[in-house]
Amino acid sequence: MALSPNINVMIKAAEKAGRSLVRDFGEVEQLQVSRKGPGDFVSAADLRAEEIIFYELSKARSDFGFLMEERGRAGNKDSESIWIVDPLDGTSNFLHGVPHWCISIGLEEKGEIVAGIVHDPIKDETFRAEKGNGAFFRNKRLRVSGRNTMDGAMIACGQPAGTENDLFIQEYAALLAQAPGIRRFGAAALDLAYVAAGRLEGFWERGLKPWDMAAGTIIIREAGGMISDIEGKKTNPVHEGNVLAANAEMYDELKKILNGVKQKKNAA
């Protein structure tokens, strides 16, 4: 299947930035033995990757706007077409030499995510989707899993910082009682891509930013999954700060459990 011009541009930018990050990751692995650690080096690697993506996307689509993790709003700020970019999702993993991190690029048009890619340079895996054209991994069509029981499900999560951590601990306990296969991988964009690929049945996290979710939102939807804010009210969760994603069989049950925890906490 031929790639659309926008998807081609996104993949090219992500692969170029990915090569830079892979080189830097090799250096990070060597820095683990130092007492100071590679923190400053990783921050510089993140910025280099973002600069590459910004340059490549700007060159191809000079009239588009940007929402980026480091730069914030950039490019044509009046445009209704906005690249939403995380140049390094899974920074803590990268920092510690753990090979589980990715680049995420989503395209928002008039408030709707219409295309997205999640690129994992270490594993050479790219997940992509465009509105109405399906979701793909390499040249294979992506579909969410068909598992429909909590005891056989694998659910991923992300742990928020600050005041929402208490709620997360309660949510985790409630789900763990029913779904023993709970994982925290530390890269939200990859978690969402894995739900789309059927590797996970669901994922939830609070305290997220738009660049964590933009690409994954369209990839899951085009793979036949369901995605919303955790309460289930907003079907485009990108700007809501929290997300619940799952296959169609597990979504309602996960939403019920998570919202039951919040209601109980609020009533206490």
C-alpha atoms as a PDB file:
ATOM      1  CA  MET A   1       0.000   0.000   0.000  1.00  0.00           C
ATOM      2  CA  ALA A   2       1.416   3.362  -1.060  1.00  0.00           C
ATOM      3  CA  LEU A   3       2.076   5.829   1.729  1.00  0.00           C
ATOM      4  CA  SER A   4       0.349   9.203   1.645  1.00  0.00           C
ATOM      5  CA  PRO A   5       2.505  12.337   1.283  1.00  0.00           C
ATOM      6  CA  ASN A   6       1.944  13.336   4.926  1.00  0.00           C
ATOM      7  CA  ILE A   7       2.814   9.891   6.282  1.00  0.00           C
ATOM      8  CA  ASN A   8       5.911   9.812   4.074  1.00  0.00           C
ATOM      9  CA  VAL A   9       7.055  13.157   5.476  1.00  0.00           C
ATOM     10  CA  MET A  10       6.442  12.045   9.071  1.00  0.00           C
ATOM     11  CA  ILE A  11       8.305   8.758   8.670  1.00  0.00           C
ATOM     12  CA  LYS A  12      11.265  10.441   6.979  1.00  0.00           C
ATOM     13  CA  ALA A  13      11.556  12.988   9.804  1.00  0.00           C
ATOM     14  CA  ALA A  14      11.195  10.344  12.529  1.00  0.00           C
ATOM     15  CA  GLU A  15      13.748   7.997  10.965  1.00  0.00           C
ATOM     16  CA  LYS A  16      16.309  10.779  10.597  1.00  0.00           C
ATOM     17  CA  ALA A  17      15.812  11.868  14.221  1.00  0.00           C
ATOM     18  CA  GLY A  18      15.841   8.215  15.251  1.00  0.00           C
ATOM     19  CA  ARG A  19      19.303   7.675  13.799  1.00  0.00           C
ATOM     20  CA  SER A  20      20.563  10.624  15.857  1.00  0.00           C
ATOM     21  CA  LEU A  21      18.958   9.256  19.009  1.00  0.00           C
ATOM     22  CA  VAL A  22      20.359   5.762  18.463  1.00  0.00           C
ATOM     23  CA  ARG A  23      23.879   7.204  18.248  1.00  0.00           C
ATOM     24  CA  ASP A  24      23.274   9.176  21.439  1.00  0.00           C
ATOM     25  CA  PHE A  25      21.766   6.134  23.148  1.00  0.00           C
ATOM     26  CA  GLY A  26      25.009   4.266  22.543  1.00  0.00           C
ATOM     27  CA  GLU A  27      26.821   7.018  24.433  1.00  0.00           C
ATOM     28  CA  VAL A  28      24.242   6.989  27.249  1.00  0.00           C
ATOM     29  CA  GLU A  29      24.832   3.291  27.861  1.00  0.00           C
ATOM     30  CA  GLN A  30      28.514   4.073  28.474  1.00  0.00           C
ATOM     31  CA  LEU A  31      27.652   6.908  30.897  1.00  0.00           C
ATOM     32  CA  GLN A  32      25.680   4.728  33.319  1.00  0.00           C
ATOM     33  CA  VAL A  33      28.774   4.020  35.404  1.00  0.00           C
ATOM     34  CA  SER A  34      29.425   7.710  36.104  1.00  0.00           C
ATOM     35  CA  ARG A  35      28.305   9.165  39.414  1.00  0.00           C
ATOM     36  CA  LYS A  36      26.763  12.247  37.778  1.00  0.00           C
ATOM     37  CA  GLY A  37      24.878  10.208  35.200  1.00  0.00           C
ATOM     38  CA  PRO A  38      23.931  11.195  31.656  1.00  0.00           C
ATOM     39  CA  GLY A  39      21.132  13.676  32.452  1.00  0.00           C
ATOM     40  CA  ASP A  40      22.536  16.728  30.634  1.00  0.00           C
ATOM     41  CA  PHE A  41      23.617  14.594  27.699  1.00  0.00           C
ATOM     42  CA  VAL A  42      20.094  13.157  27.325  1.00  0.00           C
ATOM     43  CA  SER A  43      18.530  16.631  27.418  1.00  0.00           C
ATOM     44  CA  ALA A  44      20.818  17.639  24.571  1.00  0.00           C
ATOM     45  CA  ALA A  45      19.918  14.471  22.638  1.00  0.00           C
ATOM     46  CA  ASP A  46      16.219  15.259  23.045  1.00  0.00           C
ATOM     47  CA  LEU A  47      16.749  18.779  21.699  1.00  0.00           C
ATOM     48  CA  ARG A  48      18.806  17.536  18.744  1.00  0.00           C
ATOM     49  CA  ALA A  49      16.066  15.097  17.772  1.00  0.00           C
ATOM     50  CA  GLU A  50      13.397  17.787  18.024  1.00  0.00           C
ATOM     51  CA  GLU A  51      15.489  20.146  15.893  1.00  0.00           C
ATOM     52  CA  ILE A  52      15.802  17.489  13.178  1.00  0.00           C
ATOM     53  CA  ILE A  53      12.055  16.823  13.178  1.00  0.00           C
ATOM     54  CA  PHE A  54      11.228  20.528  13.160  1.00  0.00           C
ATOM     55  CA  TYR A  55      13.551  21.135  10.214  1.00  0.00           C
ATOM     56  CA  GLU A  56      12.306  18.176   8.161  1.00  0.00           C
ATOM     57  CA  LEU A  57       8.614  18.871   8.725  1.00  0.00           C
ATOM     58  CA  SER A  58       9.025  22.620   8.171  1.00  0.00           C
ATOM     59  CA  LYS A  59      10.866  21.976   4.916  1.00  0.00           C
ATOM     60  CA  ALA A  60       8.061  19.763   3.652  1.00  0.00           C
ATOM     61  CA  ARG A  61       5.078  21.730   5.030  1.00  0.00           C
ATOM     62  CA  SER A  62       6.150  25.327   5.580  1.00  0.00           C
ATOM     63  CA  ASP A  63       2.591  26.520   6.254  1.00  0.00           C
ATOM     64  CA  PHE A  64       1.873  24.086   9.130  1.00  0.00           C
ATOM     65  CA  GLY A  65       2.041  24.893  12.829  1.00  0.00           C
ATOM     66  CA  PHE A  66       3.764  22.896  15.577  1.00  0.00           C
ATOM     67  CA  LEU A  67       3.089  21.851  19.140  1.00  0.00           C
ATOM     68  CA  MET A  68       6.318  20.325  20.464  1.00  0.00           C
ATOM     69  CA  GLU A  69       7.516  19.110  23.843  1.00  0.00           C
ATOM     70  CA  GLU A  70      10.506  21.440  24.001  1.00  0.00           C
ATOM     71  CA  ARG A  71       9.603  24.334  21.680  1.00  0.00           C
ATOM     72  CA  GLY A  72       5.922  24.555  22.551  1.00  0.00           C
ATOM     73  CA  ARG A  73       3.956  26.385  19.853  1.00  0.00           C
ATOM     74  CA  ALA A  74       6.021  27.089  16.752  1.00  0.00           C
ATOM     75  CA  GLY A  75       5.805  27.465  12.994  1.00  0.00           C
ATOM     76  CA  ASN A  76       2.642  28.992  11.553  1.00  0.00           C
ATOM     77  CA  LYS A  77       0.658  29.604  14.722  1.00  0.00           C
ATOM     78  CA  ASP A  78      -2.473  30.537  12.735  1.00  0.00           C
ATOM     79  CA  SER A  79      -2.553  27.282  10.791  1.00  0.00           C
ATOM     80  CA  GLU A  80      -5.352  24.752  11.310  1.00  0.00           C
ATOM     81  CA  SER A  81      -2.842  21.999  10.480  1.00  0.00           C
ATOM     82  CA  ILE A  82      -0.564  21.300  13.457  1.00  0.00           C
ATOM     83  CA  TRP A  83       2.236  18.801  13.906  1.00  0.00           C
ATOM     84  CA  ILE A  84       2.169  17.494  17.500  1.00  0.00           C
ATOM     85  CA  VAL A  85       5.619  16.112  18.271  1.00  0.00           C
ATOM     86  CA  ASP A  86       7.350  14.229  21.058  1.00  0.00           C
ATOM     87  CA  PRO A  87      10.956  13.747  19.913  1.00  0.00           C
ATOM     88  CA  LEU A  88      11.740  11.333  22.758  1.00  0.00           C
ATOM     89  CA  ASP A  89       8.929   9.610  24.623  1.00  0.00           C
ATOM     90  CA  GLY A  90      10.327   7.412  27.369  1.00  0.00           C
ATOM     91  CA  THR A  91      13.066   9.815  28.462  1.00  0.00           C
ATOM     92  CA  SER A  92      13.657   8.045  31.786  1.00  0.00           C
ATOM     93  CA  ASN A  93      14.162   4.741  29.987  1.00  0.00           C
ATOM     94  CA  PHE A  94      16.608   6.426  27.600  1.00  0.00           C
ATOM     95  CA  LEU A  95      18.394   8.055  30.532  1.00  0.00           C
ATOM     96  CA  HIS A  96      18.960   4.686  32.203  1.00  0.00           C
ATOM     97  CA  GLY A  97      19.997   2.832  29.076  1.00  0.00           C
ATOM     98  CA  VAL A  98      16.704   0.924  28.804  1.00  0.00           C
ATOM     99  CA  PRO A  99      15.956   0.311  25.088  1.00  0.00           C
ATOM    100  CA  HIS A 100      12.257   1.177  25.211  1.00  0.00           C
ATOM    101  CA  TRP A 101      11.528   4.676  23.897  1.00  0.00           C
ATOM    102  CA  CYS A 102      10.185   6.237  20.737  1.00  0.00           C
ATOM    103  CA  ILE A 103       9.403   9.252  18.576  1.00  0.00           C
ATOM    104  CA  SER A 104       5.764  10.284  18.245  1.00  0.00           C
ATOM    105  CA  ILE A 105       4.349  12.591  15.556  1.00  0.00           C
ATOM    106  CA  GLY A 106       0.665  13.369  15.129  1.00  0.00           C
ATOM    107  CA  LEU A 107      -1.086  15.659  12.658  1.00  0.00           C
ATOM    108  CA  GLU A 108      -4.058  17.638  13.922  1.00  0.00           C
ATOM    109  CA  GLU A 109      -6.355  19.391  11.452  1.00  0.00           C
ATOM    110  CA  LYS A 110      -9.149  21.644  12.696  1.00  0.00           C
ATOM    111  CA  GLY A 111      -8.938  20.055  16.144  1.00  0.00           C
ATOM    112  CA  GLU A 112      -9.002  16.443  14.931  1.00  0.00           C
ATOM    113  CA  ILE A 113      -6.061  14.041  14.785  1.00  0.00           C
ATOM    114  CA  VAL A 114      -5.975  12.781  11.197  1.00  0.00           C
ATOM    115  CA  ALA A 115      -2.600  11.033  10.968  1.00  0.00           C
ATOM    116  CA  GLY A 116       0.091   9.723  13.268  1.00  0.00           C
ATOM    117  CA  ILE A 117       3.224   7.632  13.524  1.00  0.00           C
ATOM    118  CA  VAL A 118       5.060   6.086  16.472  1.00  0.00           C
ATOM    119  CA  HIS A 119       8.629   5.134  15.580  1.00  0.00           C
ATOM    120  CA  ASP A 120      10.804   2.904  17.779  1.00  0.00           C
ATOM    121  CA  PRO A 121      14.336   3.231  16.350  1.00  0.00           C
ATOM    122  CA  ILE A 122      15.914   0.591  18.599  1.00  0.00           C
ATOM    123  CA  LYS A 123      13.510  -2.181  17.553  1.00  0.00           C
ATOM    124  CA  ASP A 124      13.061  -0.738  14.051  1.00  0.00           C
ATOM    125  CA  GLU A 125       9.283  -0.687  14.497  1.00  0.00           C
ATOM    126  CA  THR A 126       7.009   1.988  13.059  1.00  0.00           C
ATOM    127  CA  PHE A 127       3.276   2.134  13.715  1.00  0.00           C
ATOM    128  CA  ARG A 128       1.234   4.452  11.485  1.00  0.00           C
ATOM    129  CA  ALA A 129      -2.317   5.441  10.694  1.00  0.00           C
ATOM    130  CA  GLU A 130      -4.301   7.957   8.725  1.00  0.00           C
ATOM    131  CA  LYS A 131      -7.979   8.752   9.076  1.00  0.00           C
ATOM    132  CA  GLY A 132     -10.079   6.392   6.999  1.00  0.00           C
ATOM    133  CA  ASN A 133      -7.107   4.427   5.695  1.00  0.00           C
ATOM    134  CA  GLY A 134      -6.484   2.010   8.565  1.00  0.00           C
ATOM    135  CA  ALA A 135      -3.513   1.446  10.870  1.00  0.00           C
ATOM    136  CA  PHE A 136      -0.351  -0.397   9.863  1.00  0.00           C
ATOM    137  CA  PHE A 137       2.845  -1.883  11.241  1.00  0.00           C
ATOM    138  CA  ARG A 138       5.323  -2.073   8.386  1.00  0.00           C
ATOM    139  CA  ASN A 139       3.001  -3.386   5.640  1.00  0.00           C
ATOM    140  CA  LYS A 140       0.729  -5.346   7.956  1.00  0.00           C
ATOM    141  CA  ARG A 141      -2.731  -4.109   8.883  1.00  0.00           C
ATOM    142  CA  LEU A 142      -3.073  -3.502  12.621  1.00  0.00           C
ATOM    143  CA  ARG A 143      -6.047  -4.782  14.617  1.00  0.00           C
ATOM    144  CA  VAL A 144      -6.635  -4.604  18.344  1.00  0.00           C
ATOM    145  CA  SER A 145      -6.769  -7.909  20.202  1.00  0.00           C
ATOM    146  CA  GLY A 146      -9.935  -9.927  20.631  1.00  0.00           C
ATOM    147  CA  ARG A 147      -9.367 -10.914  24.276  1.00  0.00           C
ATOM    148  CA  ASN A 148     -12.422 -10.188  26.383  1.00  0.00           C
ATOM    149  CA  THR A 149     -11.719 -11.364  29.937  1.00  0.00           C
ATOM    150  CA  MET A 150      -9.839  -9.461  32.601  1.00  0.00           C
ATOM    151  CA  ASP A 151      -7.999 -12.524  33.890  1.00  0.00           C
ATOM    152  CA  GLY A 152      -6.360 -13.043  30.496  1.00  0.00           C
ATOM    153  CA  ALA A 153      -5.737  -9.385  29.708  1.00  0.00           C
ATOM    154  CA  MET A 154      -2.493  -7.441  29.742  1.00  0.00           C
ATOM    155  CA  ILE A 155      -3.091  -3.822  30.733  1.00  0.00           C
ATOM    156  CA  ALA A 156      -0.453  -1.080  30.706  1.00  0.00           C
ATOM    157  CA  CYS A 157      -0.440   2.047  32.815  1.00  0.00           C
ATOM    158  CA  GLY A 158       1.535   5.183  33.507  1.00  0.00           C
ATOM    159  CA  GLN A 159       2.170   6.612  36.943  1.00  0.00           C
ATOM    160  CA  PRO A 160       1.434  10.330  37.319  1.00  0.00           C
ATOM    161  CA  ALA A 161       3.342  12.687  39.550  1.00  0.00           C
ATOM    162  CA  GLY A 162       1.882  14.863  42.284  1.00  0.00           C
ATOM    163  CA  THR A 163      -1.615  14.764  43.711  1.00  0.00           C
ATOM    164  CA  GLU A 164      -3.019  12.227  41.226  1.00  0.00           C
ATOM    165  CA  ASN A 165      -0.580   9.550  42.369  1.00  0.00           C
ATOM    166  CA  ASP A 166      -2.836   8.544  45.283  1.00  0.00           C
ATOM    167  CA  LEU A 167      -5.705   7.962  42.847  1.00  0.00           C
ATOM    168  CA  PHE A 168      -3.427   5.960  40.559  1.00  0.00           C
ATOM    169  CA  ILE A 169      -2.391   3.641  43.410  1.00  0.00           C
ATOM    170  CA  GLN A 170      -6.037   2.906  44.151  1.00  0.00           C
ATOM    171  CA  GLU A 171      -6.815   2.366  40.464  1.00  0.00           C
ATOM    172  CA  TYR A 172      -3.831   0.043  40.149  1.00  0.00           C
ATOM    173  CA  ALA A 173      -4.965  -2.026  43.133  1.00  0.00           C
ATOM    174  CA  ALA A 174      -8.526  -2.298  41.801  1.00  0.00           C
ATOM    175  CA  LEU A 175      -7.380  -3.486  38.390  1.00  0.00           C
ATOM    176  CA  LEU A 176      -4.684  -5.776  39.747  1.00  0.00           C
ATOM    177  CA  ALA A 177      -7.368  -7.674  41.659  1.00  0.00           C
ATOM    178  CA  GLN A 178      -9.013  -8.565  38.345  1.00  0.00           C
ATOM    179  CA  ALA A 179      -6.244  -8.370  35.740  1.00  0.00           C
ATOM    180  CA  PRO A 180      -2.936  -9.721  37.076  1.00  0.00           C
ATOM    181  CA  GLY A 181      -1.126  -8.796  33.846  1.00  0.00           C
ATOM    182  CA  ILE A 182      -0.506  -5.102  34.563  1.00  0.00           C
ATOM    183  CA  ARG A 183       2.625  -3.487  33.157  1.00  0.00           C
ATOM    184  CA  ARG A 184       4.314  -0.085  33.383  1.00  0.00           C
ATOM    185  CA  PHE A 185       6.702   0.345  30.454  1.00  0.00           C
ATOM    186  CA  GLY A 186       7.385   4.073  30.727  1.00  0.00           C
ATOM    187  CA  ALA A 187       6.567   5.289  27.204  1.00  0.00           C
ATOM    188  CA  ALA A 188       2.919   6.230  26.705  1.00  0.00           C
ATOM    189  CA  ALA A 189       3.099   6.559  22.916  1.00  0.00           C
ATOM    190  CA  LEU A 190       4.422   2.998  22.640  1.00  0.00           C
ATOM    191  CA  ASP A 191       1.782   1.734  25.063  1.00  0.00           C
ATOM    192  CA  LEU A 192      -0.921   3.182  22.804  1.00  0.00           C
ATOM    193  CA  ALA A 193       0.708   1.684  19.700  1.00  0.00           C
ATOM    194  CA  TYR A 194       0.881  -1.686  21.460  1.00  0.00           C
ATOM    195  CA  VAL A 195      -2.858  -1.569  22.189  1.00  0.00           C
ATOM    196  CA  ALA A 196      -3.451  -0.932  18.483  1.00  0.00           C
ATOM    197  CA  ALA A 197      -1.171  -3.867  17.607  1.00  0.00           C
ATOM    198  CA  GLY A 198      -2.981  -6.268  19.951  1.00  0.00           C
ATOM    199  CA  ARG A 199       0.040  -6.633  22.227  1.00  0.00           C
ATOM    200  CA  LEU A 200      -1.941  -5.041  25.063  1.00  0.00           C
ATOM    201  CA  GLU A 201      -5.674  -5.059  25.753  1.00  0.00           C
ATOM    202  CA  GLY A 202      -5.738  -1.636  27.363  1.00  0.00           C
ATOM    203  CA  PHE A 203      -3.862   1.352  28.729  1.00  0.00           C
ATOM    204  CA  TRP A 204      -4.645   4.219  31.068  1.00  0.00           C
ATOM    205  CA  GLU A 205      -2.703   7.189  32.379  1.00  0.00           C
ATOM    206  CA  ARG A 206      -3.297  10.613  33.902  1.00  0.00           C
ATOM    207  CA  GLY A 207      -1.113  13.703  33.714  1.00  0.00           C
ATOM    208  CA  LEU A 208      -0.244  13.346  30.035  1.00  0.00           C
ATOM    209  CA  LYS A 209       0.528  16.016  27.433  1.00  0.00           C
ATOM    210  CA  PRO A 210      -0.867  16.252  23.877  1.00  0.00           C
ATOM    211  CA  TRP A 211       2.383  15.005  22.329  1.00  0.00           C
ATOM    212  CA  ASP A 212       2.161  11.818  24.426  1.00  0.00           C
ATOM    213  CA  MET A 213      -1.192  10.893  22.914  1.00  0.00           C
ATOM    214  CA  ALA A 214      -1.644  12.516  19.500  1.00  0.00           C
ATOM    215  CA  ALA A 215      -0.233   9.787  17.273  1.00  0.00           C
ATOM    216  CA  GLY A 216      -1.535   6.922  19.392  1.00  0.00           C
ATOM    217  CA  THR A 217      -5.081   8.261  19.271  1.00  0.00           C
ATOM    218  CA  ILE A 218      -5.473   7.838  15.525  1.00  0.00           C
ATOM    219  CA  ILE A 219      -3.500   4.584  15.411  1.00  0.00           C
ATOM    220  CA  ILE A 220      -5.793   2.946  17.980  1.00  0.00           C
ATOM    221  CA  ARG A 221      -8.957   4.257  16.371  1.00  0.00           C
ATOM    222  CA  GLU A 222      -7.932   3.049  12.919  1.00  0.00           C
ATOM    223  CA  ALA A 223      -7.019  -0.355  14.391  1.00  0.00           C
ATOM    224  CA  GLY A 224     -10.570  -0.799  15.662  1.00  0.00           C
ATOM    225  CA  GLY A 225      -9.910   0.161  19.283  1.00  0.00           C
ATOM    226  CA  MET A 226     -11.594   2.670  21.539  1.00  0.00           C
ATOM    227  CA  ILE A 227      -9.937   5.714  23.078  1.00  0.00           C
ATOM    228  CA  SER A 228     -11.239   8.562  25.219  1.00  0.00           C
ATOM    229  CA  ASP A 229     -10.565  10.414  28.413  1.00  0.00           C
ATOM    230  CA  ILE A 230     -10.871   8.131  31.447  1.00  0.00           C
ATOM    231  CA  GLU A 231     -14.448   9.203  32.169  1.00  0.00           C
ATOM    232  CA  GLY A 232     -15.406   8.306  28.595  1.00  0.00           C
ATOM    233  CA  LYS A 233     -16.818  11.744  27.822  1.00  0.00           C
ATOM    234  CA  LYS A 234     -14.235  13.023  25.336  1.00  0.00           C
ATOM    235  CA  THR A 235     -13.538  10.797  22.357  1.00  0.00           C
ATOM    236  CA  ASN A 236     -10.581  13.017  21.423  1.00  0.00           C
ATOM    237  CA  PRO A 237      -8.522  12.875  24.638  1.00  0.00           C
ATOM    238  CA  VAL A 238      -5.397  14.567  23.266  1.00  0.00           C
ATOM    239  CA  HIS A 239      -5.915  17.831  25.126  1.00  0.00           C
ATOM    240  CA  GLU A 240      -7.626  16.340  28.197  1.00  0.00           C
ATOM    241  CA  GLY A 241      -4.525  15.279  30.166  1.00  0.00           C
ATOM    242  CA  ASN A 242      -5.637  11.679  30.659  1.00  0.00           C
ATOM    243  CA  VAL A 243      -6.455   8.720  28.463  1.00  0.00           C
ATOM    244  CA  LEU A 244      -8.130   5.321  28.446  1.00  0.00           C
ATOM    245  CA  ALA A 245      -7.548   3.082  25.446  1.00  0.00           C
ATOM    246  CA  ALA A 246      -8.631  -0.516  24.940  1.00  0.00           C
ATOM    247  CA  ASN A 247     -10.014  -3.032  22.508  1.00  0.00           C
ATOM    248  CA  ALA A 248     -13.781  -2.875  22.065  1.00  0.00           C
ATOM    249  CA  GLU A 249     -14.388  -5.860  24.365  1.00  0.00           C
ATOM    250  CA  MET A 250     -12.464  -4.471  27.350  1.00  0.00           C
ATOM    251  CA  TYR A 251     -13.115  -0.728  27.135  1.00  0.00           C
ATOM    252  CA  ASP A 252     -16.398  -0.546  29.064  1.00  0.00           C
ATOM    253  CA  GLU A 253     -15.155  -2.798  31.869  1.00  0.00           C
ATOM    254  CA  LEU A 254     -11.946  -0.811  32.301  1.00  0.00           C
ATOM    255  CA  LYS A 255     -13.861   2.463  32.303  1.00  0.00           C
ATOM    256  CA  LYS A 256     -16.284   1.122  34.906  1.00  0.00           C
ATOM    257  CA  ILE A 257     -13.495  -0.017  37.244  1.00  0.00           C
ATOM    258  CA  LEU A 258     -11.452   3.185  36.948  1.00  0.00           C
ATOM    259  CA  ASN A 259     -14.401   5.500  37.420  1.00  0.00           C
ATOM    260  CA  GLY A 260     -15.696   3.420  40.308  1.00  0.00           C
ATOM    261  CA  VAL A 261     -12.402   4.013  42.091  1.00  0.00           C
ATOM    262  CA  LYS A 262     -12.597   7.777  41.537  1.00  0.00           C
ATOM    263  CA  GLN A 263     -16.204   7.980  42.689  1.00  0.00           C
ATOM    264  CA  LYS A 264     -15.383   6.028  45.834  1.00  0.00           C
ATOM    265  CA  LYS A 265     -12.392   8.283  46.536  1.00  0.00           C
ATOM    266  CA  ASN A 266     -14.452  11.445  46.023  1.00  0.00           C
ATOM    267  CA  ALA A 267     -17.162  10.156  48.352  1.00  0.00           C
ATOM    268  CA  ALA A 268     -14.694   9.364  51.129  1.00  0.00           C
END
